[in-house]
Amino acid sequence: MSRILVTEAIKGEAMNQLRREADLDVVFEPDLWKEPAALVQAVCEAEAIIVRNQTQVTADLIKAAPKLKIIARAGAGLDNIDTEAATAAGIVVSFAPNENSLSVAELAMGLFLSLARKIPSAGQDIRDGNWNRFLFTGSELSGKNLGIVGIGRIGTLVGQRAKAFGMNLLAQDNFVDQNAPQYRELDVSFVELDELLEQSDFITVHLPLLPTTRGMFNEERFAKMKPSAFFVNTSRGEVVDEEALVSALESGTIAGAGLDVRETEPPMPGDPLVATDKAILTPHIAAFTEEAQERVVAAVCRDAAAVLRGQEAEGYFNFVRPKR
């Protein structure tokens, strides 16, 4: 019987079905990621491990798992997995890069609207017993410039929805074919990053965490934005220098920010971004819709079971079958 170790709260009908399979021994330990020593011990007998973004699948953890055939990441990012070590060990790394894209794009749109129309502040003001209509005069999305930093799948989905609101699309991305049909249909203007920052009324970030993107949005880049600009990040918290962002908000360098991801999750007590009313914060929920989670969990459960049965992974990052 093949052992699958689940180290985080990954739930759904697909997981329930996986746990019912007669040839699979699913060890469901949703808090195991919090206990590194126990995790190392548990992974020794595992042939598959299913994680989200909290479990740190390091080279040392991979060394401790001689039977491991597949690491399945329930989500799009792989920055918590040492993919080089896994590949060198012949272990399949699978993930779900597309299954939650729509939900992330929709949350980004929600943050644009919340910032432009001051929805959270207006709602709180009513709860405080007030009715200050003119205090919450907002702005429309129509006719505004949206700068998309990273216009892959999620960035494109955001662009499609923003276009329906009448926004003009600017994009910066060195890794896409700028002449691809989807960008021509959306009338996307590809520009350099500095130009995008200077011209955009809203800036949305859809980047992976890489050495080149860590701290990318810093004091210098916030200074290039319009004082009326809104900054939104639903990608990785570490691409933003949060100290610089707080300074930009407090000084009026930019008008507001919407963040679903943070440098440290959860943030430390006394977090200055929590204290400011110029930031709308959500607890890394972009992918957390019922529909997206069903798709994500189904994808990783399918791949884990397939690899253990000698079949090919569909959402593979490195190779379809283990090589160890």
C-alpha atoms as a PDB file:
ATOM      1  CA  MET A   1       0.000   0.000   0.000  1.00  0.00           C
ATOM      2  CA  SER A   2       1.418   3.403  -1.029  1.00  0.00           C
ATOM      3  CA  ARG A   3       1.614   6.063   1.673  1.00  0.00           C
ATOM      4  CA  ILE A   4       0.552   9.655   0.943  1.00  0.00           C
ATOM      5  CA  LEU A   5       1.362  12.286   3.547  1.00  0.00           C
ATOM      6  CA  VAL A   6      -0.885  15.373   3.665  1.00  0.00           C
ATOM      7  CA  THR A   7       0.737  18.050   5.822  1.00  0.00           C
ATOM      8  CA  GLU A   8      -1.784  20.893   5.619  1.00  0.00           C
ATOM      9  CA  ALA A   9      -5.568  21.415   5.714  1.00  0.00           C
ATOM     10  CA  ILE A  10      -6.252  20.254   2.165  1.00  0.00           C
ATOM     11  CA  LYS A  11      -9.873  19.180   2.067  1.00  0.00           C
ATOM     12  CA  GLY A  12     -12.633  18.466  -0.398  1.00  0.00           C
ATOM     13  CA  GLU A  13     -14.444  15.627  -2.111  1.00  0.00           C
ATOM     14  CA  ALA A  14     -11.356  14.685  -4.128  1.00  0.00           C
ATOM     15  CA  MET A  15      -9.369  14.280  -0.904  1.00  0.00           C
ATOM     16  CA  ASN A  16     -12.177  12.275   0.648  1.00  0.00           C
ATOM     17  CA  GLN A  17     -12.157   9.995  -2.371  1.00  0.00           C
ATOM     18  CA  LEU A  18      -8.372   9.646  -2.216  1.00  0.00           C
ATOM     19  CA  ARG A  19      -8.641   8.552   1.422  1.00  0.00           C
ATOM     20  CA  ARG A  20     -11.146   5.863   0.438  1.00  0.00           C
ATOM     21  CA  GLU A  21      -8.882   4.257  -2.182  1.00  0.00           C
ATOM     22  CA  ALA A  22      -7.974   0.718  -1.100  1.00  0.00           C
ATOM     23  CA  ASP A  23      -4.421   0.783  -2.480  1.00  0.00           C
ATOM     24  CA  LEU A  24      -3.494   4.111  -0.856  1.00  0.00           C
ATOM     25  CA  ASP A  25      -2.690   4.898   2.770  1.00  0.00           C
ATOM     26  CA  VAL A  26      -3.432   8.601   3.215  1.00  0.00           C
ATOM     27  CA  VAL A  27      -1.957  10.056   6.407  1.00  0.00           C
ATOM     28  CA  PHE A  28      -3.824  13.316   6.975  1.00  0.00           C
ATOM     29  CA  GLU A  29      -1.909  15.591   9.373  1.00  0.00           C
ATOM     30  CA  PRO A  30      -3.101  19.167   8.664  1.00  0.00           C
ATOM     31  CA  ASP A  31      -0.882  20.757  11.328  1.00  0.00           C
ATOM     32  CA  LEU A  32       2.263  18.768  10.614  1.00  0.00           C
ATOM     33  CA  TRP A  33       3.857  21.686   8.755  1.00  0.00           C
ATOM     34  CA  LYS A  34       4.145  23.482  12.100  1.00  0.00           C
ATOM     35  CA  GLU A  35       6.419  20.759  13.538  1.00  0.00           C
ATOM     36  CA  PRO A  36       9.631  20.405  11.473  1.00  0.00           C
ATOM     37  CA  ALA A  37      11.051  17.520  13.513  1.00  0.00           C
ATOM     38  CA  ALA A  38       7.828  15.521  13.340  1.00  0.00           C
ATOM     39  CA  LEU A  39       7.588  16.283   9.623  1.00  0.00           C
ATOM     40  CA  VAL A  40      11.042  14.822   8.977  1.00  0.00           C
ATOM     41  CA  GLN A  41      10.094  11.684  10.861  1.00  0.00           C
ATOM     42  CA  ALA A  42       6.749  11.315   9.087  1.00  0.00           C
ATOM     43  CA  VAL A  43       8.158  11.787   5.590  1.00  0.00           C
ATOM     44  CA  CYS A  44      10.568   8.840   5.942  1.00  0.00           C
ATOM     45  CA  GLU A  45       7.912   6.340   4.842  1.00  0.00           C
ATOM     46  CA  ALA A  46       6.016   8.590   2.434  1.00  0.00           C
ATOM     47  CA  GLU A  47       5.879   7.910  -1.291  1.00  0.00           C
ATOM     48  CA  ALA A  48       3.898  11.071  -1.942  1.00  0.00           C
ATOM     49  CA  ILE A  49       3.488  14.328  -0.047  1.00  0.00           C
ATOM     50  CA  ILE A  50       0.691  16.819  -0.671  1.00  0.00           C
ATOM     51  CA  VAL A  51       1.263  20.380   0.576  1.00  0.00           C
ATOM     52  CA  ARG A  52       0.062  23.954   0.194  1.00  0.00           C
ATOM     53  CA  ASN A  53       2.397  26.903   0.758  1.00  0.00           C
ATOM     54  CA  GLN A  54       3.195  26.477   4.473  1.00  0.00           C
ATOM     55  CA  THR A  55       5.168  23.237   4.340  1.00  0.00           C
ATOM     56  CA  GLN A  56       8.817  23.924   3.567  1.00  0.00           C
ATOM     57  CA  VAL A  57       9.945  21.060   1.344  1.00  0.00           C
ATOM     58  CA  THR A  58      13.674  21.650   1.650  1.00  0.00           C
ATOM     59  CA  ALA A  59      16.634  19.684   0.320  1.00  0.00           C
ATOM     60  CA  ASP A  60      17.101  18.216   3.800  1.00  0.00           C
ATOM     61  CA  LEU A  61      13.490  17.076   3.956  1.00  0.00           C
ATOM     62  CA  ILE A  62      13.847  15.486   0.522  1.00  0.00           C
ATOM     63  CA  LYS A  63      16.976  13.638   1.710  1.00  0.00           C
ATOM     64  CA  ALA A  64      14.952  12.265   4.618  1.00  0.00           C
ATOM     65  CA  ALA A  65      12.393  10.748   2.227  1.00  0.00           C
ATOM     66  CA  PRO A  66      14.067   7.879   0.340  1.00  0.00           C
ATOM     67  CA  LYS A  67      10.751   6.475  -0.895  1.00  0.00           C
ATOM     68  CA  LEU A  68       9.309   9.781  -2.116  1.00  0.00           C
ATOM     69  CA  LYS A  69       8.076   9.745  -5.724  1.00  0.00           C
ATOM     70  CA  ILE A  70       5.979  12.894  -5.974  1.00  0.00           C
ATOM     71  CA  ILE A  71       5.595  16.251  -4.242  1.00  0.00           C
ATOM     72  CA  ALA A  72       2.158  17.662  -5.083  1.00  0.00           C
ATOM     73  CA  ARG A  73       1.624  21.359  -4.382  1.00  0.00           C
ATOM     74  CA  ALA A  74      -2.029  22.397  -3.988  1.00  0.00           C
ATOM     75  CA  GLY A  75      -1.626  25.774  -5.664  1.00  0.00           C
ATOM     76  CA  ALA A  76       0.380  27.694  -8.222  1.00  0.00           C
ATOM     77  CA  GLY A  77       3.574  28.858  -6.498  1.00  0.00           C
ATOM     78  CA  LEU A  78       6.550  26.594  -5.900  1.00  0.00           C
ATOM     79  CA  ASP A  79       8.726  28.860  -3.771  1.00  0.00           C
ATOM     80  CA  ASN A  80       8.255  26.630  -0.682  1.00  0.00           C
ATOM     81  CA  ILE A  81       9.634  23.617  -2.576  1.00  0.00           C
ATOM     82  CA  ASP A  82      13.281  23.056  -3.461  1.00  0.00           C
ATOM     83  CA  THR A  83      12.502  22.030  -7.009  1.00  0.00           C
ATOM     84  CA  GLU A  84      16.182  21.619  -7.925  1.00  0.00           C
ATOM     85  CA  ALA A  85      16.727  19.125  -5.102  1.00  0.00           C
ATOM     86  CA  ALA A  86      13.551  17.263  -6.017  1.00  0.00           C
ATOM     87  CA  THR A  87      14.519  17.064  -9.678  1.00  0.00           C
ATOM     88  CA  ALA A  88      18.048  15.921  -8.809  1.00  0.00           C
ATOM     89  CA  ALA A  89      16.529  13.167  -6.668  1.00  0.00           C
ATOM     90  CA  GLY A  90      14.244  12.065  -9.500  1.00  0.00           C
ATOM     91  CA  ILE A  91      11.050  13.128  -7.719  1.00  0.00           C
ATOM     92  CA  VAL A  92       8.080  14.458  -9.669  1.00  0.00           C
ATOM     93  CA  VAL A  93       6.931  17.922  -8.628  1.00  0.00           C
ATOM     94  CA  SER A  94       3.343  18.625  -9.604  1.00  0.00           C
ATOM     95  CA  PHE A  95       1.230  21.694  -8.976  1.00  0.00           C
ATOM     96  CA  ALA A  96      -1.967  23.445 -10.023  1.00  0.00           C
ATOM     97  CA  PRO A  97      -0.911  26.613 -11.854  1.00  0.00           C
ATOM     98  CA  ASN A  98      -4.211  27.260 -13.635  1.00  0.00           C
ATOM     99  CA  GLU A  99      -6.946  25.912 -11.411  1.00  0.00           C
ATOM    100  CA  ASN A 100      -7.219  28.963  -9.150  1.00  0.00           C
ATOM    101  CA  SER A 101      -6.335  31.679 -11.685  1.00  0.00           C
ATOM    102  CA  LEU A 102      -9.896  32.900 -12.169  1.00  0.00           C
ATOM    103  CA  SER A 103     -10.464  33.324  -8.445  1.00  0.00           C
ATOM    104  CA  VAL A 104      -7.249  35.343  -8.078  1.00  0.00           C
ATOM    105  CA  ALA A 105      -8.236  37.582 -10.993  1.00  0.00           C
ATOM    106  CA  GLU A 106     -11.670  38.199  -9.497  1.00  0.00           C
ATOM    107  CA  LEU A 107     -10.204  39.166  -6.125  1.00  0.00           C
ATOM    108  CA  ALA A 108      -7.885  41.644  -7.850  1.00  0.00           C
ATOM    109  CA  MET A 109     -10.930  43.241  -9.476  1.00  0.00           C
ATOM    110  CA  GLY A 110     -12.650  43.329  -6.089  1.00  0.00           C
ATOM    111  CA  LEU A 111      -9.690  45.200  -4.631  1.00  0.00           C
ATOM    112  CA  PHE A 112      -9.729  47.721  -7.508  1.00  0.00           C
ATOM    113  CA  LEU A 113     -13.405  48.460  -6.864  1.00  0.00           C
ATOM    114  CA  SER A 114     -12.976  48.555  -3.087  1.00  0.00           C
ATOM    115  CA  LEU A 115     -10.131  51.057  -3.367  1.00  0.00           C
ATOM    116  CA  ALA A 116     -11.787  53.233  -6.010  1.00  0.00           C
ATOM    117  CA  ARG A 117     -15.181  53.369  -4.265  1.00  0.00           C
ATOM    118  CA  LYS A 118     -13.901  53.271  -0.648  1.00  0.00           C
ATOM    119  CA  ILE A 119     -16.251  50.383   0.100  1.00  0.00           C
ATOM    120  CA  PRO A 120     -14.659  49.026   3.317  1.00  0.00           C
ATOM    121  CA  SER A 121     -14.341  52.501   4.904  1.00  0.00           C
ATOM    122  CA  ALA A 122     -17.899  53.456   3.962  1.00  0.00           C
ATOM    123  CA  GLY A 123     -19.247  50.224   5.420  1.00  0.00           C
ATOM    124  CA  GLN A 124     -17.354  50.709   8.664  1.00  0.00           C
ATOM    125  CA  ASP A 125     -18.556  54.309   8.910  1.00  0.00           C
ATOM    126  CA  ILE A 126     -22.161  53.126   8.800  1.00  0.00           C
ATOM    127  CA  ARG A 127     -21.458  50.582  11.544  1.00  0.00           C
ATOM    128  CA  ASP A 128     -20.076  53.466  13.579  1.00  0.00           C
ATOM    129  CA  GLY A 129     -23.518  55.111  13.379  1.00  0.00           C
ATOM    130  CA  ASN A 130     -22.819  57.626  10.611  1.00  0.00           C
ATOM    131  CA  TRP A 131     -24.223  58.416   7.170  1.00  0.00           C
ATOM    132  CA  ASN A 132     -21.434  60.451   5.521  1.00  0.00           C
ATOM    133  CA  ARG A 133     -22.299  60.168   1.845  1.00  0.00           C
ATOM    134  CA  PHE A 134     -20.028  62.943   0.654  1.00  0.00           C
ATOM    135  CA  LEU A 135     -17.069  61.723   2.695  1.00  0.00           C
ATOM    136  CA  PHE A 136     -16.820  58.653   0.466  1.00  0.00           C
ATOM    137  CA  THR A 137     -16.874  60.143  -3.022  1.00  0.00           C
ATOM    138  CA  GLY A 138     -14.861  57.689  -5.079  1.00  0.00           C
ATOM    139  CA  SER A 139     -13.726  57.326  -8.660  1.00  0.00           C
ATOM    140  CA  GLU A 140     -14.690  55.165 -11.619  1.00  0.00           C
ATOM    141  CA  LEU A 141     -12.567  52.453 -13.189  1.00  0.00           C
ATOM    142  CA  SER A 142     -13.723  53.405 -16.663  1.00  0.00           C
ATOM    143  CA  GLY A 143     -11.148  55.391 -18.610  1.00  0.00           C
ATOM    144  CA  LYS A 144      -8.378  54.713 -16.088  1.00  0.00           C
ATOM    145  CA  ASN A 145      -5.025  53.130 -16.949  1.00  0.00           C
ATOM    146  CA  LEU A 146      -4.399  49.704 -15.443  1.00  0.00           C
ATOM    147  CA  GLY A 147      -0.765  48.643 -15.288  1.00  0.00           C
ATOM    148  CA  ILE A 148      -0.331  44.860 -15.203  1.00  0.00           C
ATOM    149  CA  VAL A 149       3.087  43.722 -14.010  1.00  0.00           C
ATOM    150  CA  GLY A 150       3.267  40.116 -15.167  1.00  0.00           C
ATOM    151  CA  ILE A 151       0.613  39.386 -17.791  1.00  0.00           C
ATOM    152  CA  GLY A 152       0.598  35.605 -17.785  1.00  0.00           C
ATOM    153  CA  ARG A 153      -2.581  33.629 -17.247  1.00  0.00           C
ATOM    154  CA  ILE A 154      -3.805  35.533 -14.182  1.00  0.00           C
ATOM    155  CA  GLY A 155      -2.727  38.920 -15.503  1.00  0.00           C
ATOM    156  CA  THR A 156      -4.576  38.223 -18.757  1.00  0.00           C
ATOM    157  CA  LEU A 157      -7.749  37.247 -16.888  1.00  0.00           C
ATOM    158  CA  VAL A 158      -7.524  40.492 -14.912  1.00  0.00           C
ATOM    159  CA  GLY A 159      -7.020  42.405 -18.159  1.00  0.00           C
ATOM    160  CA  GLN A 160     -10.110  40.844 -19.732  1.00  0.00           C
ATOM    161  CA  ARG A 161     -12.252  41.871 -16.793  1.00  0.00           C
ATOM    162  CA  ALA A 162     -10.726  45.332 -16.553  1.00  0.00           C
ATOM    163  CA  LYS A 163     -11.372  45.858 -20.263  1.00  0.00           C
ATOM    164  CA  ALA A 164     -15.062  45.182 -19.643  1.00  0.00           C
ATOM    165  CA  PHE A 165     -14.964  48.091 -17.154  1.00  0.00           C
ATOM    166  CA  GLY A 166     -13.548  50.345 -19.860  1.00  0.00           C
ATOM    167  CA  MET A 167      -9.975  50.474 -18.534  1.00  0.00           C
ATOM    168  CA  ASN A 168      -6.905  51.000 -20.710  1.00  0.00           C
ATOM    169  CA  LEU A 169      -4.303  48.252 -20.359  1.00  0.00           C
ATOM    170  CA  LEU A 170      -0.561  48.697 -19.973  1.00  0.00           C
ATOM    171  CA  ALA A 171       1.681  45.710 -19.316  1.00  0.00           C
ATOM    172  CA  GLN A 172       5.273  44.875 -18.493  1.00  0.00           C
ATOM    173  CA  ASP A 173       6.421  41.290 -18.968  1.00  0.00           C
ATOM    174  CA  ASN A 174       9.640  40.084 -20.560  1.00  0.00           C
ATOM    175  CA  PHE A 175       8.558  36.445 -20.727  1.00  0.00           C
ATOM    176  CA  VAL A 176       5.478  36.485 -22.941  1.00  0.00           C
ATOM    177  CA  ASP A 177       4.980  36.820 -26.685  1.00  0.00           C
ATOM    178  CA  GLN A 178       3.778  40.398 -26.928  1.00  0.00           C
ATOM    179  CA  ASN A 179       2.261  39.684 -30.350  1.00  0.00           C
ATOM    180  CA  ALA A 180       0.088  36.817 -29.073  1.00  0.00           C
ATOM    181  CA  PRO A 181      -3.582  37.067 -30.172  1.00  0.00           C
ATOM    182  CA  GLN A 182      -4.967  37.524 -26.647  1.00  0.00           C
ATOM    183  CA  TYR A 183      -2.910  40.685 -26.142  1.00  0.00           C
ATOM    184  CA  ARG A 184      -3.911  42.132 -29.501  1.00  0.00           C
ATOM    185  CA  GLU A 185      -7.574  41.453 -28.734  1.00  0.00           C
ATOM    186  CA  LEU A 186      -7.245  43.303 -25.425  1.00  0.00           C
ATOM    187  CA  ASP A 187      -5.301  46.159 -27.062  1.00  0.00           C
ATOM    188  CA  VAL A 188      -2.539  45.846 -24.469  1.00  0.00           C
ATOM    189  CA  SER A 189       0.262  48.403 -24.665  1.00  0.00           C
ATOM    190  CA  PHE A 190       3.570  46.810 -23.629  1.00  0.00           C
ATOM    191  CA  VAL A 191       5.852  49.354 -21.978  1.00  0.00           C
ATOM    192  CA  GLU A 192       8.903  49.426 -19.758  1.00  0.00           C
ATOM    193  CA  LEU A 193       8.269  49.224 -16.018  1.00  0.00           C
ATOM    194  CA  ASP A 194       9.094  52.862 -15.292  1.00  0.00           C
ATOM    195  CA  GLU A 195       6.635  54.058 -17.928  1.00  0.00           C
ATOM    196  CA  LEU A 196       3.949  51.732 -16.575  1.00  0.00           C
ATOM    197  CA  LEU A 197       4.429  53.072 -13.047  1.00  0.00           C
ATOM    198  CA  GLU A 198       4.303  56.681 -14.221  1.00  0.00           C
ATOM    199  CA  GLN A 199       1.175  56.318 -16.367  1.00  0.00           C
ATOM    200  CA  SER A 200      -1.007  53.876 -14.423  1.00  0.00           C
ATOM    201  CA  ASP A 201      -3.908  54.785 -12.159  1.00  0.00           C
ATOM    202  CA  PHE A 202      -4.050  51.216 -10.855  1.00  0.00           C
ATOM    203  CA  ILE A 203      -1.112  48.810 -10.708  1.00  0.00           C
ATOM    204  CA  THR A 204      -1.654  45.082 -10.235  1.00  0.00           C
ATOM    205  CA  VAL A 205       1.154  42.598  -9.630  1.00  0.00           C
ATOM    206  CA  HIS A 206       1.148  38.988 -10.840  1.00  0.00           C
ATOM    207  CA  LEU A 207       4.727  37.803 -10.430  1.00  0.00           C
ATOM    208  CA  PRO A 208       6.460  34.695  -9.083  1.00  0.00           C
ATOM    209  CA  LEU A 209       8.917  35.113  -6.235  1.00  0.00           C
ATOM    210  CA  LEU A 210      12.409  35.066  -7.734  1.00  0.00           C
ATOM    211  CA  PRO A 211      15.711  36.684  -6.732  1.00  0.00           C
ATOM    212  CA  THR A 212      14.966  39.337  -9.367  1.00  0.00           C
ATOM    213  CA  THR A 213      11.455  40.073  -8.045  1.00  0.00           C
ATOM    214  CA  ARG A 214      12.107  40.021  -4.282  1.00  0.00           C
ATOM    215  CA  GLY A 215      11.642  43.567  -2.972  1.00  0.00           C
ATOM    216  CA  MET A 216      10.962  44.772  -6.514  1.00  0.00           C
ATOM    217  CA  PHE A 217       8.433  47.357  -5.367  1.00  0.00           C
ATOM    218  CA  ASN A 218      10.584  49.582  -3.232  1.00  0.00           C
ATOM    219  CA  GLU A 219      10.875  53.270  -2.334  1.00  0.00           C
ATOM    220  CA  GLU A 220      12.257  54.166  -5.760  1.00  0.00           C
ATOM    221  CA  ARG A 221       9.422  52.469  -7.633  1.00  0.00           C
ATOM    222  CA  PHE A 222       6.633  53.818  -5.428  1.00  0.00           C
ATOM    223  CA  ALA A 223       8.092  57.301  -6.005  1.00  0.00           C
ATOM    224  CA  LYS A 224       7.491  56.887  -9.755  1.00  0.00           C
ATOM    225  CA  MET A 225       3.744  56.312  -9.298  1.00  0.00           C
ATOM    226  CA  LYS A 226       1.031  58.949  -9.426  1.00  0.00           C
ATOM    227  CA  PRO A 227      -0.108  60.400  -6.076  1.00  0.00           C
ATOM    228  CA  SER A 228      -3.596  59.196  -7.059  1.00  0.00           C
ATOM    229  CA  ALA A 229      -2.460  55.647  -7.923  1.00  0.00           C
ATOM    230  CA  PHE A 230      -3.667  52.472  -6.227  1.00  0.00           C
ATOM    231  CA  PHE A 231      -1.303  49.500  -5.841  1.00  0.00           C
ATOM    232  CA  VAL A 232      -2.634  45.905  -5.674  1.00  0.00           C
ATOM    233  CA  ASN A 233      -0.679  42.730  -4.989  1.00  0.00           C
ATOM    234  CA  THR A 234      -2.222  39.246  -5.128  1.00  0.00           C
ATOM    235  CA  SER A 235       0.970  37.393  -6.107  1.00  0.00           C
ATOM    236  CA  ARG A 236       3.729  37.026  -3.485  1.00  0.00           C
ATOM    237  CA  GLY A 237       4.168  39.283  -0.476  1.00  0.00           C
ATOM    238  CA  GLU A 238       7.943  39.320  -0.721  1.00  0.00           C
ATOM    239  CA  VAL A 239       7.917  41.224  -4.025  1.00  0.00           C
ATOM    240  CA  VAL A 240       6.975  44.322  -1.984  1.00  0.00           C
ATOM    241  CA  ASP A 241       9.212  46.213   0.418  1.00  0.00           C
ATOM    242  CA  GLU A 242       6.496  46.788   3.013  1.00  0.00           C
ATOM    243  CA  GLU A 243       8.415  49.467   4.893  1.00  0.00           C
ATOM    244  CA  ALA A 244       8.640  51.448   1.659  1.00  0.00           C
ATOM    245  CA  LEU A 245       4.942  50.871   0.986  1.00  0.00           C
ATOM    246  CA  VAL A 246       3.933  52.146   4.430  1.00  0.00           C
ATOM    247  CA  SER A 247       6.059  55.241   3.862  1.00  0.00           C
ATOM    248  CA  ALA A 248       4.493  55.800   0.424  1.00  0.00           C
ATOM    249  CA  LEU A 249       0.990  55.565   1.881  1.00  0.00           C
ATOM    250  CA  GLU A 250       1.661  57.783   4.884  1.00  0.00           C
ATOM    251  CA  SER A 251       3.425  60.465   2.823  1.00  0.00           C
ATOM    252  CA  GLY A 252       0.753  60.521   0.103  1.00  0.00           C
ATOM    253  CA  THR A 253       3.194  59.278  -2.544  1.00  0.00           C
ATOM    254  CA  ILE A 254       0.400  56.894  -3.595  1.00  0.00           C
ATOM    255  CA  ALA A 255      -3.294  56.944  -2.701  1.00  0.00           C
ATOM    256  CA  GLY A 256      -3.867  53.414  -1.465  1.00  0.00           C
ATOM    257  CA  ALA A 257      -3.021  49.739  -1.614  1.00  0.00           C
ATOM    258  CA  GLY A 258      -4.820  46.398  -1.665  1.00  0.00           C
ATOM    259  CA  LEU A 259      -2.802  43.418  -0.447  1.00  0.00           C
ATOM    260  CA  ASP A 260      -3.807  39.777  -0.252  1.00  0.00           C
ATOM    261  CA  VAL A 261      -0.245  38.590   0.448  1.00  0.00           C
ATOM    262  CA  ARG A 262       2.382  39.731   2.920  1.00  0.00           C
ATOM    263  CA  GLU A 263       6.121  39.502   3.532  1.00  0.00           C
ATOM    264  CA  THR A 264       5.363  37.590   6.744  1.00  0.00           C
ATOM    265  CA  GLU A 265       2.155  35.581   7.031  1.00  0.00           C
ATOM    266  CA  PRO A 266       0.451  36.187   9.337  1.00  0.00           C
ATOM    267  CA  PRO A 267       1.966  39.642   9.928  1.00  0.00           C
ATOM    268  CA  MET A 268       3.580  40.456  13.258  1.00  0.00           C
ATOM    269  CA  PRO A 269       1.650  42.284  16.031  1.00  0.00           C
ATOM    270  CA  GLY A 270       1.774  46.039  15.591  1.00  0.00           C
ATOM    271  CA  ASP A 271       1.860  45.737  11.801  1.00  0.00           C
ATOM    272  CA  PRO A 272       1.773  49.326  10.440  1.00  0.00           C
ATOM    273  CA  LEU A 273      -0.233  48.308   7.377  1.00  0.00           C
ATOM    274  CA  VAL A 274      -3.043  47.147   9.648  1.00  0.00           C
ATOM    275  CA  ALA A 275      -3.008  50.547  11.336  1.00  0.00           C
ATOM    276  CA  THR A 276      -3.466  52.620   8.171  1.00  0.00           C
ATOM    277  CA  ASP A 277      -6.854  53.217   6.590  1.00  0.00           C
ATOM    278  CA  LYS A 278      -5.172  53.566   3.187  1.00  0.00           C
ATOM    279  CA  ALA A 279      -4.634  49.823   2.847  1.00  0.00           C
ATOM    280  CA  ILE A 280      -7.211  47.099   2.242  1.00  0.00           C
ATOM    281  CA  LEU A 281      -5.887  43.784   3.554  1.00  0.00           C
ATOM    282  CA  THR A 282      -7.106  40.222   3.078  1.00  0.00           C
ATOM    283  CA  PRO A 283      -5.502  37.071   4.553  1.00  0.00           C
ATOM    284  CA  HIS A 284      -4.126  35.363   1.395  1.00  0.00           C
ATOM    285  CA  ILE A 285      -7.584  34.338   0.199  1.00  0.00           C
ATOM    286  CA  ALA A 286      -7.267  34.989  -3.543  1.00  0.00           C
ATOM    287  CA  ALA A 287      -7.412  31.290  -4.397  1.00  0.00           C
ATOM    288  CA  PHE A 288      -9.915  30.462  -1.681  1.00  0.00           C
ATOM    289  CA  THR A 289     -13.217  30.101  -3.462  1.00  0.00           C
ATOM    290  CA  GLU A 290     -15.170  26.871  -3.298  1.00  0.00           C
ATOM    291  CA  GLU A 291     -14.815  26.357  -7.040  1.00  0.00           C
ATOM    292  CA  ALA A 292     -11.077  26.998  -7.198  1.00  0.00           C
ATOM    293  CA  GLN A 293     -10.321  24.791  -4.217  1.00  0.00           C
ATOM    294  CA  GLU A 294     -12.313  21.931  -5.713  1.00  0.00           C
ATOM    295  CA  ARG A 295     -10.251  22.211  -8.893  1.00  0.00           C
ATOM    296  CA  VAL A 296      -6.910  22.534  -7.077  1.00  0.00           C
ATOM    297  CA  VAL A 297      -7.485  19.632  -4.685  1.00  0.00           C
ATOM    298  CA  ALA A 298      -8.788  17.432  -7.492  1.00  0.00           C
ATOM    299  CA  ALA A 299      -5.678  18.174  -9.572  1.00  0.00           C
ATOM    300  CA  VAL A 300      -3.119  17.299  -6.891  1.00  0.00           C
ATOM    301  CA  CYS A 301      -5.009  14.232  -5.677  1.00  0.00           C
ATOM    302  CA  ARG A 302      -5.246  12.992  -9.258  1.00  0.00           C
ATOM    303  CA  ASP A 303      -1.516  13.441  -9.848  1.00  0.00           C
ATOM    304  CA  ALA A 304      -0.441  11.852  -6.564  1.00  0.00           C
ATOM    305  CA  ALA A 305      -2.560   8.769  -7.191  1.00  0.00           C
ATOM    306  CA  ALA A 306      -1.501   8.524 -10.828  1.00  0.00           C
ATOM    307  CA  VAL A 307       2.235   8.625 -10.117  1.00  0.00           C
ATOM    308  CA  LEU A 308       1.963   6.030  -7.353  1.00  0.00           C
ATOM    309  CA  ARG A 309       0.139   3.761  -9.797  1.00  0.00           C
ATOM    310  CA  GLY A 310       2.820   4.115 -12.451  1.00  0.00           C
ATOM    311  CA  GLN A 311       0.893   6.613 -14.562  1.00  0.00           C
ATOM    312  CA  GLU A 312       1.805  10.126 -15.685  1.00  0.00           C
ATOM    313  CA  ALA A 313       1.226  13.336 -13.744  1.00  0.00           C
ATOM    314  CA  GLU A 314      -0.761  15.946 -15.656  1.00  0.00           C
ATOM    315  CA  GLY A 315       0.210  19.102 -13.761  1.00  0.00           C
ATOM    316  CA  TYR A 316       3.908  18.295 -13.688  1.00  0.00           C
ATOM    317  CA  PHE A 317       6.650  20.866 -13.193  1.00  0.00           C
ATOM    318  CA  ASN A 318       9.707  18.757 -14.021  1.00  0.00           C
ATOM    319  CA  PHE A 319       8.783  15.324 -15.416  1.00  0.00           C
ATOM    320  CA  VAL A 320       5.721  13.116 -15.673  1.00  0.00           C
ATOM    321  CA  ARG A 321       7.077  10.060 -13.868  1.00  0.00           C
ATOM    322  CA  PRO A 322       9.628   9.645 -11.059  1.00  0.00           C
ATOM    323  CA  LYS A 323      13.182   8.894 -12.167  1.00  0.00           C
ATOM    324  CA  ARG A 324      14.639   7.783  -8.861  1.00  0.00           C
END
